[in-house]
Amino acid sequence: MGQFAVIGLGRFGSAASLELMRMGHSVLGVDTSGKVVDQYADQLTRAVIADVTDRAALEELGLDNYDVVLVGIGEDVQASLVCVVHLKSLGIKTIWVKASSHAQHLILSKLGVERIIHPEEEMGMRVAQALSYPMVNDYISIGNGEFVVEIDVSGRLEGVPLSEVLRDVGETIHVLAVKRKTQVTVHPATDMPLQPKDVLVLLGQLSALKNIAPKLA
């Protein structure tokens, strides 16, 4: 179980906090609004009111005991940046921050923030991918143009071996697993016949994955 601190319990911060709790982690929620803190007090491990632009107030929270501090402050960019400066001065090593503009992103990167999140842009990209490739359930970027994707297998491919589906892609795509109902076959044999509703977990360059996705539909 991880321990996470989330600063700013607006729409973004509260959603992240509640999902972390659902996954079994311990979450400290911090906000300047007593009303907001009261709203989530019973749903988080701990929820406190604090002026996050006050270094002393942040120091009292013992944030160095948490695995990650997520700064999810929304529209108040100045408060977000001041908070991050204080967190860095307190020696907090792993800081994730929500950014609302490229200017804020630039400043955060200069401050050495571990990860900068653009929720609207990231969600927009995911929606665009889902619209273009509805057979792709989910995807994760692992850098260098490589992605891990989950793709549903069409009923028309029943009995077709993996080797047939992958015949034209060579070694540019790797099949990490086949999910079949409650079973997961890791690194399946190339002669494994597909079944309707199988889910393939593939690794490869985005261009290659785009080419193969329609063949599985």
Protein backbone atom coordinates (compact mmCIF):
# COMPACT_ATOMS: atom_id res chain seq x y z
CA MET A 1 0.00 0.00 0.00
CA GLY A 2 1.38 3.39 -1.00
CA GLN A 3 1.05 6.67 0.83
CA PHE A 4 0.07 9.71 -1.18
CA ALA A 5 -0.61 13.35 -0.37
CA VAL A 6 -2.93 15.31 -2.65
CA ILE A 7 -2.86 19.10 -2.40
CA GLY A 8 -5.99 20.69 -3.81
CA LEU A 9 -9.25 18.76 -3.61
CA GLY A 10 -11.02 20.25 -6.62
CA ARG A 11 -12.45 18.07 -9.37
CA PHE A 12 -9.04 16.72 -10.40
CA GLY A 13 -7.52 16.29 -6.95
CA SER A 14 -10.60 14.73 -5.39
CA ALA A 15 -11.00 12.26 -8.26
CA ALA A 16 -7.35 11.20 -7.94
CA SER A 17 -7.68 10.91 -4.16
CA LEU A 18 -10.81 8.78 -4.23
CA GLU A 19 -9.39 6.48 -6.90
CA LEU A 20 -6.20 5.99 -4.87
CA MET A 21 -8.34 5.11 -1.85
CA ARG A 22 -10.35 2.67 -3.95
CA MET A 23 -7.08 0.98 -4.95
CA GLY A 24 -6.19 0.48 -1.29
CA HIS A 25 -3.68 3.29 -0.75
CA SER A 26 -3.43 5.77 2.10
CA VAL A 27 -4.29 9.34 1.09
CA LEU A 28 -3.80 12.68 2.81
CA GLY A 29 -6.03 15.33 1.25
CA VAL A 30 -5.15 19.00 1.71
CA ASP A 31 -7.20 22.04 0.77
CA THR A 32 -7.59 25.67 1.85
CA SER A 33 -11.37 25.32 2.06
CA GLY A 34 -12.86 23.91 5.23
CA LYS A 35 -16.07 23.10 3.37
CA VAL A 36 -14.18 20.99 0.82
CA VAL A 37 -12.14 19.23 3.49
CA ASP A 38 -15.32 18.38 5.43
CA GLN A 39 -16.80 16.93 2.24
CA TYR A 40 -13.99 14.39 1.87
CA ALA A 41 -13.01 13.89 5.52
CA ASP A 42 -14.83 10.56 5.80
CA GLN A 43 -13.65 9.28 2.44
CA LEU A 44 -9.90 9.82 2.77
CA THR A 45 -7.38 8.48 5.26
CA ARG A 46 -6.85 12.03 6.50
CA ALA A 47 -8.06 15.42 5.29
CA VAL A 48 -6.74 18.74 6.58
CA ILE A 49 -7.17 22.46 6.03
CA ALA A 50 -3.92 24.26 5.26
CA ASP A 51 -2.59 27.34 3.51
CA VAL A 52 -0.43 25.58 0.95
CA THR A 53 1.43 28.81 0.13
CA ASP A 54 2.74 28.87 3.73
CA ARG A 55 5.99 26.89 4.06
CA ALA A 56 5.50 26.34 7.79
CA ALA A 57 2.01 24.94 7.23
CA LEU A 58 3.34 22.49 4.64
CA GLU A 59 6.20 21.48 6.90
CA GLU A 60 3.75 20.57 9.69
CA LEU A 61 2.04 18.07 7.39
CA GLY A 62 5.09 15.78 7.33
CA LEU A 63 4.95 15.40 3.57
CA ASP A 64 8.39 13.82 3.45
CA ASN A 65 6.75 10.64 4.78
CA TYR A 66 4.68 10.20 1.61
CA ASP A 67 5.69 8.35 -1.56
CA VAL A 68 4.36 11.08 -3.86
CA VAL A 69 2.92 14.54 -3.34
CA LEU A 70 0.40 15.44 -6.04
CA VAL A 71 -0.33 19.16 -6.44
CA GLY A 72 -3.73 19.38 -8.09
CA ILE A 73 -4.47 23.08 -7.53
CA GLY A 74 -6.68 24.32 -10.34
CA GLU A 75 -7.01 27.90 -11.51
CA ASP A 76 -4.69 29.58 -8.98
CA VAL A 77 -1.42 29.14 -10.85
CA GLN A 78 0.49 31.38 -8.43
CA ALA A 79 -0.58 29.30 -5.44
CA SER A 80 0.42 26.12 -7.28
CA LEU A 81 3.88 27.44 -8.12
CA VAL A 82 4.51 28.84 -4.63
CA CYS A 83 3.43 25.51 -3.16
CA VAL A 84 5.85 23.63 -5.40
CA VAL A 85 8.73 25.96 -4.49
CA HIS A 86 8.08 25.27 -0.80
CA LEU A 87 7.83 21.53 -1.38
CA LYS A 88 11.19 21.56 -3.16
CA SER A 89 12.74 23.60 -0.34
CA LEU A 90 11.43 21.02 2.15
CA GLY A 91 13.27 18.30 0.26
CA ILE A 92 10.20 16.52 -1.11
CA LYS A 93 11.67 14.33 -3.83
CA THR A 94 8.72 13.02 -5.83
CA ILE A 95 6.26 15.76 -6.81
CA TRP A 96 3.59 15.50 -9.48
CA VAL A 97 1.83 18.70 -10.52
CA LYS A 98 -1.24 19.52 -12.57
CA ALA A 99 -0.46 22.26 -15.10
CA SER A 100 -3.02 24.44 -16.86
CA SER A 101 -0.75 26.16 -19.39
CA HIS A 102 2.51 25.69 -21.25
CA ALA A 103 4.00 28.66 -19.37
CA GLN A 104 3.28 26.91 -16.08
CA HIS A 105 4.72 23.71 -17.53
CA LEU A 106 7.94 25.53 -18.43
CA ILE A 107 8.32 26.95 -14.91
CA LEU A 108 7.56 23.59 -13.29
CA SER A 109 10.13 21.86 -15.46
CA LYS A 110 12.73 24.43 -14.40
CA LEU A 111 11.83 23.66 -10.78
CA GLY A 112 12.63 20.00 -11.38
CA VAL A 113 9.14 18.59 -10.92
CA GLU A 114 9.03 14.80 -11.32
CA ARG A 115 5.95 14.74 -13.55
CA ILE A 116 3.77 17.49 -15.04
CA ILE A 117 0.19 16.56 -15.87
CA HIS A 118 -2.10 18.22 -18.42
CA PRO A 119 -5.43 16.46 -17.69
CA GLU A 120 -7.46 18.13 -20.44
CA GLU A 121 -4.85 17.53 -23.14
CA GLU A 122 -4.20 13.95 -22.05
CA MET A 123 -7.90 13.16 -21.94
CA GLY A 124 -8.40 14.83 -25.32
CA MET A 125 -5.71 12.63 -26.84
CA ARG A 126 -7.28 9.50 -25.31
CA VAL A 127 -10.70 10.44 -26.65
CA ALA A 128 -9.24 11.05 -30.12
CA GLN A 129 -7.53 7.66 -30.05
CA ALA A 130 -10.77 6.00 -28.92
CA LEU A 131 -12.71 7.67 -31.73
CA SER A 132 -10.15 6.71 -34.38
CA TYR A 133 -9.56 3.18 -33.09
CA PRO A 134 -12.65 2.01 -31.16
CA MET A 135 -11.22 -1.52 -30.94
CA VAL A 136 -8.42 -0.22 -28.69
CA ASN A 137 -9.55 -0.52 -25.08
CA ASP A 138 -6.67 1.27 -23.44
CA TYR A 139 -3.10 2.34 -24.07
CA ILE A 140 -0.03 3.47 -22.15
CA SER A 141 2.92 5.42 -23.53
CA ILE A 142 6.27 4.09 -22.29
CA GLY A 143 8.40 6.63 -24.19
CA ASN A 144 10.46 6.60 -27.39
CA GLY A 145 7.29 6.23 -29.43
CA GLU A 146 6.52 2.85 -27.84
CA PHE A 147 3.03 2.05 -26.57
CA VAL A 148 1.35 -0.81 -24.76
CA VAL A 149 -2.24 -1.25 -26.00
CA GLU A 150 -5.18 -3.54 -25.33
CA ILE A 151 -7.11 -4.51 -28.47
CA ASP A 152 -10.33 -6.53 -28.69
CA VAL A 153 -10.35 -9.47 -31.09
CA SER A 154 -13.23 -9.65 -33.57
CA GLY A 155 -15.43 -12.73 -33.86
CA ARG A 156 -14.42 -13.12 -37.50
CA LEU A 157 -10.93 -14.15 -36.35
CA GLU A 158 -12.14 -17.20 -34.42
CA GLY A 159 -9.58 -20.00 -34.81
CA VAL A 160 -7.05 -17.80 -36.61
CA PRO A 161 -3.55 -18.24 -35.11
CA LEU A 162 -1.63 -15.28 -33.79
CA SER A 163 1.07 -15.85 -36.41
CA GLU A 164 -1.45 -15.15 -39.16
CA VAL A 165 -2.51 -11.84 -37.62
CA LEU A 166 1.10 -10.78 -37.07
CA ARG A 167 2.39 -12.06 -40.42
CA ASP A 168 3.01 -8.63 -41.97
CA VAL A 169 4.38 -6.83 -38.92
CA GLY A 170 7.51 -8.90 -38.35
CA GLU A 171 9.21 -8.12 -35.05
CA THR A 172 7.88 -4.58 -34.77
CA ILE A 173 5.02 -5.70 -32.49
CA HIS A 174 5.34 -7.95 -29.46
CA VAL A 175 2.41 -9.85 -27.98
CA LEU A 176 2.78 -9.48 -24.23
CA ALA A 177 -0.35 -11.39 -23.26
CA VAL A 178 -3.74 -12.72 -24.32
CA LYS A 179 -6.60 -12.09 -21.90
CA ARG A 180 -9.39 -14.68 -22.26
CA LYS A 181 -12.21 -14.28 -19.75
CA THR A 182 -10.49 -14.79 -16.36
CA GLN A 183 -7.32 -16.30 -17.81
CA VAL A 184 -4.20 -14.42 -18.88
CA THR A 185 -1.61 -16.12 -21.10
CA VAL A 186 1.72 -14.29 -20.92
CA HIS A 187 3.96 -14.38 -24.02
CA PRO A 188 1.59 -16.73 -25.90
CA ALA A 189 2.82 -19.13 -28.56
CA THR A 190 2.48 -17.82 -32.11
CA ASP A 191 0.29 -20.80 -33.09
CA MET A 192 -2.27 -19.96 -30.38
CA PRO A 193 -5.72 -19.77 -32.03
CA LEU A 194 -7.73 -16.66 -31.25
CA GLN A 195 -11.23 -16.65 -29.87
CA PRO A 196 -13.96 -13.99 -29.99
CA LYS A 197 -13.71 -11.48 -27.13
CA ASP A 198 -10.00 -12.23 -26.58
CA VAL A 199 -8.03 -9.14 -25.64
CA LEU A 200 -4.49 -8.80 -26.97
CA VAL A 201 -1.93 -6.82 -25.01
CA LEU A 202 0.59 -5.55 -27.56
CA LEU A 203 3.84 -3.57 -27.38
CA GLY A 204 5.22 -1.62 -30.31
CA GLN A 205 5.67 1.62 -32.17
CA LEU A 206 2.46 3.65 -32.53
CA SER A 207 2.53 3.49 -36.35
CA ALA A 208 2.74 -0.31 -36.34
CA LEU A 209 -0.01 -0.62 -33.73
CA LYS A 210 -2.26 1.64 -35.82
CA ASN A 211 -1.74 -0.60 -38.82
CA ILE A 212 -2.59 -3.81 -37.01
CA ALA A 213 -5.61 -2.53 -35.05
CA PRO A 214 -8.04 -2.63 -38.04
CA LYS A 215 -6.97 -6.22 -38.81
CA LEU A 216 -8.29 -7.30 -35.41
CA ALA A 217 -11.63 -5.53 -35.77
